[in-house]
N, C-alpha and C. Protein backbone atom coordinates (compact mmCIF):
# COMPACT_ATOMS: atom_id res chain seq x y z
N MET A 1 -11.31 25.17 276.23
CA MET A 1 -11.23 24.04 276.83
C MET A 1 -9.36 23.78 277.68
N LEU A 2 -8.69 24.71 277.62
CA LEU A 2 -7.76 24.93 278.24
C LEU A 2 -7.94 25.15 279.77
N GLY A 3 -8.93 26.38 279.74
CA GLY A 3 -8.87 26.66 281.07
C GLY A 3 -9.70 25.57 281.77
N LEU A 4 -10.61 24.84 281.49
CA LEU A 4 -10.81 23.42 282.38
C LEU A 4 -9.42 22.68 282.72
N PRO A 5 -9.79 22.21 283.74
CA PRO A 5 -8.91 21.09 284.92
C PRO A 5 -8.83 19.91 284.11
N ASP A 6 -7.29 19.42 283.53
CA ASP A 6 -6.97 18.00 283.04
C ASP A 6 -7.65 16.95 284.49
N ASP A 7 -9.15 16.63 284.39
CA ASP A 7 -9.34 15.72 285.44
C ASP A 7 -10.71 14.73 285.01
N PRO A 8 -10.37 14.09 285.29
CA PRO A 8 -11.65 12.88 284.66
C PRO A 8 -12.60 13.14 285.67
N SER A 9 -12.96 13.83 287.02
CA SER A 9 -14.45 14.43 287.30
C SER A 9 -14.64 15.43 286.73
N THR A 10 -13.98 16.02 285.91
CA THR A 10 -14.31 17.05 284.51
C THR A 10 -15.29 17.11 283.04
N ALA A 11 -15.28 15.66 283.54
CA ALA A 11 -15.85 14.77 281.63
C ALA A 11 -16.73 15.85 281.20
N PHE A 12 -18.20 16.27 282.18
CA PHE A 12 -19.41 16.73 282.07
C PHE A 12 -19.00 18.18 281.40
N LYS A 13 -17.92 18.54 281.98
CA LYS A 13 -17.49 19.87 281.77
C LYS A 13 -17.22 20.22 280.34
N HIS A 14 -16.09 18.95 280.31
CA HIS A 14 -15.19 19.19 278.57
C HIS A 14 -16.51 19.30 277.60
N GLY A 15 -17.19 17.43 277.87
CA GLY A 15 -18.91 17.74 277.24
C GLY A 15 -19.33 18.62 277.08
N LEU A 16 -19.71 19.68 278.08
CA LEU A 16 -20.46 20.47 277.63
C LEU A 16 -20.00 21.99 276.78
N VAL A 17 -18.62 22.16 277.22
CA VAL A 17 -18.18 23.17 276.04
C VAL A 17 -18.09 22.72 274.69
N LEU A 18 -17.40 21.64 274.40
CA LEU A 18 -17.40 20.68 273.00
C LEU A 18 -18.72 20.86 272.45
N VAL A 19 -19.76 20.58 273.04
CA VAL A 19 -21.55 20.63 272.75
C VAL A 19 -21.93 22.37 272.65
N ILE A 20 -20.98 23.29 272.84
CA ILE A 20 -21.31 24.27 272.71
C ILE A 20 -20.64 25.03 271.59
N ILE A 21 -19.43 24.84 271.53
CA ILE A 21 -18.43 24.91 270.28
C ILE A 21 -19.19 24.48 269.35
N GLY A 22 -19.30 23.76 269.14
CA GLY A 22 -20.01 22.55 267.94
C GLY A 22 -21.35 23.51 267.43
N LEU A 23 -22.11 23.22 268.04
CA LEU A 23 -23.24 24.20 267.70
C LEU A 23 -23.31 25.37 267.74
N CYS A 24 -22.38 26.36 267.89
CA CYS A 24 -21.92 28.13 267.66
C CYS A 24 -21.36 27.72 266.52
N THR A 25 -20.23 27.31 266.06
CA THR A 25 -19.32 27.27 264.62
C THR A 25 -20.12 26.52 263.86
N SER A 26 -21.28 26.02 263.96
CA SER A 26 -22.00 25.50 262.37
C SER A 26 -22.87 26.89 262.10
N TRP A 27 -23.04 28.38 262.70
CA TRP A 27 -24.19 28.87 262.80
C TRP A 27 -23.39 29.74 261.42
N ASN A 28 -22.48 29.69 260.90
CA ASN A 28 -21.93 31.27 260.08
C ASN A 28 -22.56 30.99 258.69
N ALA A 29 -23.15 29.30 258.22
CA ALA A 29 -23.75 29.44 256.94
C ALA A 29 -24.84 29.97 257.11
N PRO A 30 -25.75 28.95 258.01
CA PRO A 30 -27.23 29.28 257.96
C PRO A 30 -27.77 30.43 258.43
N ALA A 31 -26.82 31.13 259.14
CA ALA A 31 -27.32 32.29 260.07
C ALA A 31 -26.99 33.77 259.36
N THR A 32 -25.43 33.63 258.52
CA THR A 32 -25.30 34.94 257.94
C THR A 32 -24.74 34.74 256.65
N ASN A 33 -23.99 33.38 256.13
CA ASN A 33 -23.80 33.53 254.48
C ASN A 33 -24.92 33.28 253.81
N ASN A 34 -25.44 32.33 254.39
CA ASN A 34 -26.92 31.78 253.10
C ASN A 34 -27.49 32.89 252.82
N PRO A 35 -28.19 33.92 254.14
CA PRO A 35 -28.92 35.01 254.43
C PRO A 35 -28.37 35.94 253.10
N ILE A 36 -27.01 36.64 253.72
CA ILE A 36 -26.46 37.59 252.74
C ILE A 36 -26.52 36.97 251.14
N PHE A 37 -26.21 36.02 250.73
CA PHE A 37 -26.00 35.77 249.78
C PHE A 37 -27.45 35.63 248.76
N ALA A 38 -28.37 35.35 249.95
CA ALA A 38 -29.84 35.12 249.15
C ALA A 38 -30.50 36.83 248.72
N GLU A 39 -29.64 38.12 249.39
CA GLU A 39 -29.81 39.63 249.32
C GLU A 39 -29.03 39.82 248.10
N ILE A 40 -27.80 39.53 248.08
CA ILE A 40 -27.22 40.64 247.16
C ILE A 40 -26.73 39.19 245.87
N VAL A 41 -26.90 38.37 246.06
CA VAL A 41 -26.78 37.98 244.66
C VAL A 41 -27.56 37.47 243.59
N PRO A 42 -27.73 38.06 242.30
CA PRO A 42 -29.27 37.73 241.94
C PRO A 42 -29.40 35.89 241.93
N GLU A 43 -30.75 35.81 241.34
CA GLU A 43 -31.25 34.87 241.83
C GLU A 43 -30.24 33.44 240.67
N LYS A 44 -30.31 33.95 239.43
CA LYS A 44 -29.68 32.79 238.57
C LYS A 44 -28.50 32.06 238.60
N SER A 45 -27.58 33.09 240.01
CA SER A 45 -26.55 32.93 240.43
C SER A 45 -26.07 32.51 241.95
N ARG A 46 -27.74 32.45 242.26
CA ARG A 46 -27.39 32.01 243.95
C ARG A 46 -26.62 30.27 243.91
N THR A 47 -27.66 29.99 243.20
CA THR A 47 -26.88 28.24 243.49
C THR A 47 -25.14 27.92 243.60
N SER A 48 -24.47 28.62 241.91
CA SER A 48 -22.86 28.52 242.36
C SER A 48 -22.65 29.13 243.20
N ILE A 49 -22.80 30.65 243.65
CA ILE A 49 -22.06 30.71 244.96
C ILE A 49 -22.51 29.74 246.03
N TYR A 50 -23.47 29.70 246.12
CA TYR A 50 -23.56 28.33 247.63
C TYR A 50 -22.30 27.51 247.40
N ALA A 51 -22.28 26.54 246.16
CA ALA A 51 -21.47 25.59 246.16
C ALA A 51 -20.24 26.53 246.14
N LEU A 52 -19.94 27.34 245.33
CA LEU A 52 -18.42 28.34 245.54
C LEU A 52 -17.73 28.39 247.37
N ASP A 53 -18.93 28.70 248.04
CA ASP A 53 -18.95 28.96 249.34
C ASP A 53 -18.83 27.40 249.87
N ARG A 54 -19.35 26.26 249.79
CA ARG A 54 -19.33 26.27 250.83
C ARG A 54 -17.75 24.82 250.01
N SER A 55 -17.52 25.00 248.90
CA SER A 55 -16.08 24.25 248.44
C SER A 55 -14.90 25.54 249.21
N PHE A 56 -15.36 26.27 248.74
CA PHE A 56 -14.25 26.89 249.67
C PHE A 56 -13.50 26.56 251.29
N GLU A 57 -14.78 26.68 251.81
CA GLU A 57 -14.99 26.03 253.20
C GLU A 57 -14.25 24.81 253.39
N ASN A 58 -14.96 23.65 252.43
CA ASN A 58 -14.50 22.97 252.96
C ASN A 58 -13.03 22.44 252.77
N ILE A 59 -12.47 23.08 251.06
CA ILE A 59 -11.10 23.33 250.75
C ILE A 59 -10.09 23.59 252.51
N LEU A 60 -10.47 24.82 252.40
CA LEU A 60 -9.83 25.27 253.70
C LEU A 60 -10.00 24.35 255.38
N ALA A 61 -10.65 23.90 255.60
CA ALA A 61 -11.14 22.85 256.02
C ALA A 61 -10.09 21.25 256.50
N SER A 62 -9.92 21.55 255.19
CA SER A 62 -9.52 20.54 255.06
C SER A 62 -7.81 20.06 255.43
N PHE A 63 -7.36 21.41 255.62
CA PHE A 63 -6.00 21.43 255.89
C PHE A 63 -5.75 21.40 257.22
N ALA A 64 -6.60 21.53 258.27
CA ALA A 64 -6.60 21.60 259.47
C ALA A 64 -6.16 20.27 259.86
N PRO A 65 -6.38 19.18 260.21
CA PRO A 65 -5.23 18.33 260.03
C PRO A 65 -3.96 18.03 260.63
N PRO A 66 -3.52 18.33 259.52
CA PRO A 66 -1.86 18.11 259.27
C PRO A 66 -1.50 19.50 259.96
N ILE A 67 -2.53 20.53 259.84
CA ILE A 67 -1.69 21.74 260.46
C ILE A 67 -1.53 21.63 261.59
N VAL A 68 -3.03 21.06 262.54
CA VAL A 68 -2.99 20.58 264.12
C VAL A 68 -1.62 19.67 264.30
N GLY A 69 -1.52 18.62 263.79
CA GLY A 69 -0.53 17.53 263.70
C GLY A 69 0.82 18.00 263.71
N LEU A 70 0.98 19.04 262.60
CA LEU A 70 2.51 19.79 262.63
C LEU A 70 2.62 21.23 263.87
N LEU A 71 1.50 21.52 264.02
CA LEU A 71 1.91 22.24 265.36
C LEU A 71 2.01 21.69 266.85
N SER A 72 1.64 20.51 266.86
CA SER A 72 1.87 19.94 268.23
C SER A 72 2.83 19.38 268.37
N GLN A 73 3.48 18.66 267.05
CA GLN A 73 4.95 18.09 266.93
C GLN A 73 6.23 19.18 267.13
N HIS A 74 6.37 20.16 266.26
CA HIS A 74 7.04 21.07 266.08
C HIS A 74 6.99 22.11 266.39
N VAL A 75 6.10 22.79 267.55
CA VAL A 75 5.97 23.95 268.29
C VAL A 75 5.53 23.40 269.39
N PHE A 76 4.58 22.87 269.16
CA PHE A 76 4.19 22.68 271.10
C PHE A 76 4.63 21.38 271.34
N GLY A 77 5.77 21.24 271.18
CA GLY A 77 6.65 19.97 271.47
C GLY A 77 6.12 18.22 272.07
N TYR A 78 5.06 17.70 270.73
CA TYR A 78 4.50 16.17 271.28
C TYR A 78 5.61 15.53 271.00
N THR A 79 6.24 14.46 271.75
CA THR A 79 7.02 13.32 271.16
C THR A 79 6.27 11.82 271.43
N PRO A 80 6.53 10.90 271.33
CA PRO A 80 5.98 9.49 271.38
C PRO A 80 6.47 8.71 272.60
N ALA A 81 6.02 8.08 273.48
CA ALA A 81 6.65 7.54 274.39
C ALA A 81 7.73 6.69 274.26
N PRO A 82 8.75 7.15 275.15
CA PRO A 82 9.91 5.86 274.46
C PRO A 82 9.50 4.63 274.62
N LYS A 83 10.09 3.46 274.01
CA LYS A 83 10.45 2.07 274.41
C LYS A 83 10.17 1.71 275.27
N GLY A 84 9.90 0.90 276.07
CA GLY A 84 10.80 0.06 276.98
C GLY A 84 10.13 1.04 278.48
N SER A 85 9.47 2.40 278.83
CA SER A 85 9.30 3.12 279.73
C SER A 85 8.63 2.52 280.55
N SER A 86 8.59 2.96 281.76
CA SER A 86 7.77 2.55 282.68
C SER A 86 6.54 2.87 282.41
N GLN A 87 5.22 2.62 283.73
CA GLN A 87 4.24 3.43 283.05
C GLN A 87 3.61 4.98 283.56
N SER A 88 4.77 5.08 284.61
CA SER A 88 4.34 6.16 284.95
C SER A 88 5.13 7.26 284.07
N VAL A 89 6.15 7.55 283.20
CA VAL A 89 6.68 7.55 282.48
C VAL A 89 5.69 8.15 281.28
N GLU A 90 5.17 6.74 280.78
CA GLU A 90 3.77 7.11 279.72
C GLU A 90 3.19 7.99 280.28
N VAL A 91 2.44 7.87 281.18
CA VAL A 91 1.16 8.82 281.92
C VAL A 91 1.84 10.02 281.75
N GLU A 92 2.87 10.44 282.20
CA GLU A 92 3.81 12.03 282.43
C GLU A 92 3.73 12.26 280.56
N THR A 93 4.18 11.58 279.58
CA THR A 93 4.18 11.81 278.08
C THR A 93 3.18 12.09 277.67
N ASP A 94 1.98 11.17 278.03
CA ASP A 94 0.79 11.26 277.93
C ASP A 94 -0.07 12.56 278.14
N ARG A 95 0.36 12.99 279.11
CA ARG A 95 -0.02 14.04 279.37
C ARG A 95 0.61 15.39 278.77
N LYS A 96 1.89 15.22 278.66
CA LYS A 96 2.52 16.41 277.57
C LYS A 96 1.83 16.41 276.81
N ASN A 97 1.65 15.38 275.88
CA ASN A 97 1.22 15.03 274.06
C ASN A 97 -0.33 15.63 274.58
N ALA A 98 -1.00 15.54 275.29
CA ALA A 98 -2.24 15.96 275.21
C ALA A 98 -2.44 17.08 275.24
N ALA A 99 -1.61 17.92 276.37
CA ALA A 99 -1.18 19.22 276.18
C ALA A 99 -1.30 20.36 275.17
N SER A 100 0.22 19.34 273.99
CA SER A 100 0.87 19.81 272.98
C SER A 100 -0.28 20.00 271.67
N LEU A 101 -1.48 18.87 271.79
CA LEU A 101 -2.69 18.69 271.01
C LEU A 101 -3.40 19.43 271.61
N ALA A 102 -3.52 20.18 272.77
CA ALA A 102 -4.95 20.91 272.92
C ALA A 102 -4.29 22.07 272.52
N LYS A 103 -2.94 22.47 272.82
CA LYS A 103 -2.94 23.77 272.39
C LYS A 103 -2.62 24.27 270.78
N ALA A 104 -2.23 22.90 270.40
CA ALA A 104 -2.28 23.06 268.34
C ALA A 104 -3.92 23.00 267.97
N LEU A 105 -4.84 22.71 268.87
CA LEU A 105 -6.56 22.29 268.69
C LEU A 105 -6.64 24.04 268.43
N TYR A 106 -6.18 24.89 269.46
CA TYR A 106 -6.57 25.93 270.06
C TYR A 106 -6.32 26.68 269.12
N THR A 107 -4.94 26.73 268.66
CA THR A 107 -4.34 27.67 267.98
C THR A 107 -5.18 27.58 266.05
N SER A 108 -5.17 26.20 265.57
CA SER A 108 -5.98 25.92 264.41
C SER A 108 -7.16 26.63 264.34
N ILE A 109 -7.54 26.57 266.04
CA ILE A 109 -9.27 26.98 266.19
C ILE A 109 -9.00 28.86 265.88
N ALA A 110 -8.21 29.19 266.82
CA ALA A 110 -8.52 30.96 267.10
C ALA A 110 -7.75 31.33 266.51
N ILE A 111 -7.00 31.45 265.69
CA ILE A 111 -6.59 32.03 264.49
C ILE A 111 -7.56 31.93 263.26
N PRO A 112 -7.98 31.12 262.48
CA PRO A 112 -9.05 31.14 261.74
C PRO A 112 -10.69 32.11 262.16
N MET A 113 -10.97 31.49 263.38
CA MET A 113 -12.00 32.58 263.73
C MET A 113 -11.63 34.24 264.00
N THR A 114 -10.44 34.22 264.60
CA THR A 114 -10.32 35.51 264.47
C THR A 114 -10.08 36.43 263.01
N ILE A 115 -9.63 35.33 262.16
CA ILE A 115 -10.03 36.44 261.00
C ILE A 115 -11.64 36.66 260.24
N CYS A 116 -11.36 35.17 260.52
CA CYS A 116 -13.37 35.48 260.17
C CYS A 116 -14.11 36.55 260.86
N VAL A 117 -13.89 36.99 262.81
CA VAL A 117 -14.31 37.86 263.01
C VAL A 117 -13.94 39.32 262.35
N PHE A 118 -12.14 39.47 261.87
CA PHE A 118 -11.97 40.37 261.52
C PHE A 118 -12.94 40.90 260.10
N ILE A 119 -13.16 39.89 259.05
CA ILE A 119 -13.82 39.80 258.04
C ILE A 119 -15.33 40.56 257.91
N TYR A 120 -15.58 39.74 259.01
CA TYR A 120 -17.23 39.62 259.43
C TYR A 120 -17.88 41.23 259.70
N SER A 121 -16.55 41.49 260.48
CA SER A 121 -16.78 42.91 260.51
C SER A 121 -16.72 44.07 259.52
N PHE A 122 -16.31 43.74 258.32
CA PHE A 122 -16.14 44.83 257.50
C PHE A 122 -17.53 44.65 257.06
N LEU A 123 -18.79 43.76 256.86
CA LEU A 123 -19.55 43.61 256.23
C LEU A 123 -21.18 44.77 257.38
N TYR A 124 -20.50 45.27 258.21
CA TYR A 124 -21.01 45.98 258.52
C TYR A 124 -21.22 47.73 257.81
N ARG A 125 -20.01 47.39 256.97
CA ARG A 125 -19.52 49.01 256.11
C ARG A 125 -20.41 48.46 254.56
N THR A 126 -19.76 47.31 254.39
CA THR A 126 -20.14 46.86 252.83
C THR A 126 -21.59 46.25 252.52
N TYR A 127 -22.18 45.70 253.98
CA TYR A 127 -23.57 44.87 253.18
C TYR A 127 -24.56 46.02 253.14
N PRO A 128 -24.61 46.71 253.74
CA PRO A 128 -26.05 48.09 253.49
C PRO A 128 -25.95 48.58 252.26
N ARG A 129 -24.52 48.64 251.73
CA ARG A 129 -24.60 49.40 250.12
C ARG A 129 -24.90 48.14 249.21
N ASP A 130 -24.35 47.17 249.32
CA ASP A 130 -24.52 45.64 248.62
C ASP A 130 -26.07 45.77 248.04
N ARG A 131 -26.43 45.18 249.71
CA ARG A 131 -28.15 44.68 249.43
C ARG A 131 -28.42 46.05 248.68
N ASP A 132 -28.90 47.11 249.40
CA ASP A 132 -29.08 48.11 248.24
C ASP A 132 -28.97 48.22 246.67
N ARG A 133 -27.92 47.99 246.03
CA ARG A 133 -27.15 48.09 245.29
C ARG A 133 -28.50 46.51 244.69
N ALA A 134 -28.30 45.70 245.12
CA ALA A 134 -29.08 44.27 244.34
C ALA A 134 -30.12 44.47 244.12
N LYS A 135 -30.77 45.31 245.34
CA LYS A 135 -32.23 45.41 245.24
C LYS A 135 -32.91 46.63 244.13
N MET A 136 -31.54 47.47 243.85
CA MET A 136 -31.67 48.25 242.90
C MET A 136 -32.07 47.36 241.44
N ASN A 137 -30.70 46.63 241.19
CA ASN A 137 -30.84 46.27 240.17
C ASN A 137 -31.65 45.01 239.67
N ALA A 138 -32.47 44.28 241.05
CA ALA A 138 -33.40 44.00 241.23
C ALA A 138 -34.82 43.97 240.21
N LEU A 139 -35.01 45.74 240.92
CA LEU A 139 -36.00 46.42 240.77
C LEU A 139 -35.96 47.07 239.39
N ILE A 140 -34.99 47.47 238.79
CA ILE A 140 -34.38 47.73 236.93
C ILE A 140 -34.98 46.43 236.47
N GLU A 141 -34.99 45.41 236.63
CA GLU A 141 -35.05 44.68 235.34
C GLU A 141 -35.97 44.03 235.86
N THR A 142 -36.82 44.14 236.70
CA THR A 142 -38.52 43.63 237.03
C THR A 142 -39.16 45.18 236.21
N GLU A 143 -38.48 46.07 236.25
CA GLU A 143 -39.10 47.25 235.12
C GLU A 143 -38.65 46.92 233.47
N MET A 144 -38.07 46.97 233.35
CA MET A 144 -37.49 46.33 232.16
C MET A 144 -37.94 45.51 231.35
N GLU A 145 -38.75 44.39 232.21
CA GLU A 145 -39.04 42.89 231.49
C GLU A 145 -39.82 43.57 230.55
N PRO A 146 -41.59 44.32 231.32
CA PRO A 146 -42.59 44.78 230.80
C PRO A 146 -42.24 45.10 229.26
N LEU A 147 -41.49 46.06 229.09
CA LEU A 147 -41.23 47.10 228.38
C LEU A 147 -40.40 45.97 226.80
N GLU A 148 -39.10 45.22 227.37
CA GLU A 148 -39.21 44.11 226.31
C GLU A 148 -40.16 43.47 226.06
N LEU A 149 -40.94 43.31 226.85
CA LEU A 149 -42.39 41.95 226.15
C LEU A 149 -43.33 42.89 225.19
N GLU A 150 -43.00 44.37 225.38
CA GLU A 150 -43.91 45.57 224.61
C GLU A 150 -43.09 45.54 223.29
N LYS A 151 -42.04 45.01 223.24
CA LYS A 151 -41.61 45.08 221.78
C LYS A 151 -41.30 44.54 220.90
N LEU A 152 -41.74 43.38 221.56
CA LEU A 152 -41.97 42.01 220.92
C LEU A 152 -43.54 41.74 219.96
N PRO A 153 -43.54 41.36 219.07
CA PRO A 153 -44.54 41.71 218.31
C PRO A 153 -46.03 40.76 218.95
N ARG A 154 -47.01 40.98 218.60
CA ARG A 154 -48.12 40.31 218.99
C ARG A 154 -48.33 38.79 218.54
N GLU A 155 -49.44 38.25 219.34
CA GLU A 155 -49.28 36.91 218.48
C GLU A 155 -50.29 36.98 216.88
N GLY A 156 -50.01 36.30 216.29
CA GLY A 156 -50.52 36.78 214.91
C GLY A 156 -50.28 37.64 213.53
N LYS A 157 -48.90 38.75 214.56
CA LYS A 157 -48.47 39.78 213.64
C LYS A 157 -47.16 39.38 213.38
N TYR A 158 -46.95 38.32 213.69
CA TYR A 158 -45.58 37.76 213.71
C TYR A 158 -44.74 36.87 211.93
N THR A 159 -43.77 37.66 212.00
CA THR A 159 -42.94 37.81 210.38
C THR A 159 -41.57 37.30 210.44
N GLN A 160 -41.42 37.14 209.32
CA GLN A 160 -39.76 36.89 209.22
C GLN A 160 -39.42 38.51 209.72
N LEU A 161 -39.89 39.48 209.17
CA LEU A 161 -39.13 40.96 209.56
C LEU A 161 -39.06 40.75 211.16
N HIS A 162 -40.22 40.57 211.76
CA HIS A 162 -40.25 40.79 212.91
C HIS A 162 -38.88 39.89 213.60
N ALA A 163 -39.29 38.59 212.85
CA ALA A 163 -38.14 37.93 213.71
C ALA A 163 -36.54 38.28 213.48
N SER A 164 -36.24 39.09 212.37
CA SER A 164 -35.10 39.53 211.94
C SER A 164 -35.03 40.51 212.85
N GLU A 165 -35.59 41.79 213.24
CA GLU A 165 -35.34 42.49 214.29
C GLU A 165 -35.37 41.70 215.81
N VAL A 166 -36.38 40.83 216.76
CA VAL A 166 -35.97 40.60 217.55
C VAL A 166 -34.43 39.61 217.84
N TYR A 167 -34.05 39.31 216.84
CA TYR A 167 -32.46 38.73 216.79
C TYR A 167 -31.20 39.14 216.25
N GLU A 168 -32.25 40.69 215.78
CA GLU A 168 -30.52 41.32 215.48
C GLU A 168 -29.15 41.59 215.88
N ASN A 169 -29.27 41.03 217.19
CA ASN A 169 -28.70 41.52 217.84
C ASN A 169 -28.04 39.87 218.55
N LYS A 170 -28.25 38.70 217.94
CA LYS A 170 -27.63 37.75 218.23
C LYS A 170 -26.61 37.30 217.51
N THR A 171 -25.33 36.75 217.60
CA THR A 171 -24.68 36.27 216.73
C THR A 171 -24.99 34.84 216.32
N VAL A 172 -25.22 34.61 215.33
CA VAL A 172 -24.80 32.50 214.78
C VAL A 172 -24.00 32.85 213.85
N ILE A 173 -23.38 31.52 214.52
CA ILE A 173 -21.82 30.96 214.05
C ILE A 173 -22.39 29.45 213.20
N GLU A 174 -22.10 29.83 212.24
CA GLU A 174 -22.41 28.67 211.37
C GLU A 174 -20.89 27.86 210.69
N LEU A 175 -21.15 26.43 211.07
CA LEU A 175 -20.06 25.37 210.77
C LEU A 175 -20.15 24.62 209.75
N ASP A 176 -19.40 24.31 208.89
CA ASP A 176 -19.74 23.55 207.98
C ASP A 176 -19.00 22.27 208.34
N TYR A 177 -19.36 21.40 208.56
CA TYR A 177 -18.81 19.75 208.89
C TYR A 177 -19.26 19.33 207.49
N LYS A 178 -17.79 18.37 207.36
CA LYS A 178 -17.56 17.74 205.69
C LYS A 178 -17.54 16.33 206.27
N VAL A 179 -18.85 16.10 205.98
CA VAL A 179 -19.06 14.61 206.52
C VAL A 179 -18.44 13.53 204.87
N LYS A 180 -18.01 12.48 205.18
CA LYS A 180 -17.67 11.78 204.11
C LYS A 180 -19.36 10.69 203.77
N ASP A 181 -19.44 11.29 202.94
CA ASP A 181 -21.05 9.83 201.84
C ASP A 181 -20.96 8.37 202.49
N ALA A 182 -19.93 8.15 202.36
CA ALA A 182 -20.01 6.69 202.23
C ALA A 182 -18.90 6.13 202.62
N LEU A 183 -18.62 5.09 202.92
CA LEU A 183 -17.47 4.61 203.54
C LEU A 183 -16.67 3.53 202.57
N GLU A 184 -15.59 4.31 202.08
CA GLU A 184 -14.68 3.85 201.34
C GLU A 184 -14.45 2.42 201.18
N VAL A 185 -14.39 1.68 200.31
CA VAL A 185 -14.26 0.31 200.58
C VAL A 185 -13.30 -0.09 199.39
N ASP A 186 -12.30 -0.95 199.61
CA ASP A 186 -11.12 -1.08 198.24
C ASP A 186 -11.84 -2.32 198.32
N ASP A 187 -12.40 -2.80 196.94
CA ASP A 187 -12.30 -4.03 196.47
C ASP A 187 -10.97 -5.20 196.06
N SER A 188 -9.87 -4.30 196.59
CA SER A 188 -8.73 -5.55 195.81
C SER A 188 -7.79 -5.57 197.25
N ASP A 189 -8.83 -4.91 198.31
CA ASP A 189 -8.26 -5.25 199.71
C ASP A 189 -8.40 -7.21 199.96
N GLU A 190 -7.15 -7.58 200.23
CA GLU A 190 -7.11 -8.96 200.88
C GLU A 190 -7.05 -9.23 202.05
N LYS A 191 -7.11 -8.75 202.72
CA LYS A 191 -6.80 -8.37 204.23
C LYS A 191 -8.36 -9.28 205.02
N SER A 192 -8.03 -10.39 205.32
CA SER A 192 -9.03 -11.27 206.57
C SER A 192 -9.37 -10.87 207.75
N LEU A 193 -10.49 -10.68 207.98
CA LEU A 193 -9.92 -10.60 209.56
C LEU A 193 -10.09 -12.36 210.38
N LEU A 194 -10.77 -13.24 209.47
CA LEU A 194 -10.25 -14.71 210.30
C LEU A 194 -9.88 -15.64 209.36
N THR A 195 -8.66 -16.36 209.68
CA THR A 195 -7.84 -17.13 209.15
C THR A 195 -8.53 -18.27 208.63
N HIS A 196 -8.71 -18.71 207.50
CA HIS A 196 -9.10 -20.46 207.21
C HIS A 196 -8.35 -21.13 206.90
N GLU A 197 -8.26 -22.75 207.13
CA GLU A 197 -7.16 -23.26 206.94
C GLU A 197 -7.87 -24.46 206.47
């Protein structure tokens, strides 16, 4: 956007660049994050990981508007037009302010995108190993499941002894709640809810 001329006749070019940027920046989640999570995260934890990813991304994105404002005002020289100034001064101030906002937007997009490229580049080294480890763990779980089912007693042979063998690794915590049997009523209580006169 900074490379395009500041001319009203280039509105189509500006719009085209914005559409392309809007399409490309939304690809991270459906094209990269979600498939990776689907392969390396155990099935029972996927929804939590998807939610954590979305919340982490939205929390970081919520800092963008104040950062753009601070950058444009304190770093790139955004200044409001002076009161009572002529129209030519206001137009010139608006152009400078638009340039400072554009630079602030560029900075607040370019730095996080550079960090993302750096982080995603590490996936070339870590992702294949994590994917293979996740596949191995899933294979082990599917192989162990029939073995665990074989240890359980067959239908009709289930006794209290078998039940205790099945649950011997489980911990039971017993809590004793003391509940009053009845509401204590004091017959000598002379308080009344309503006053009668």
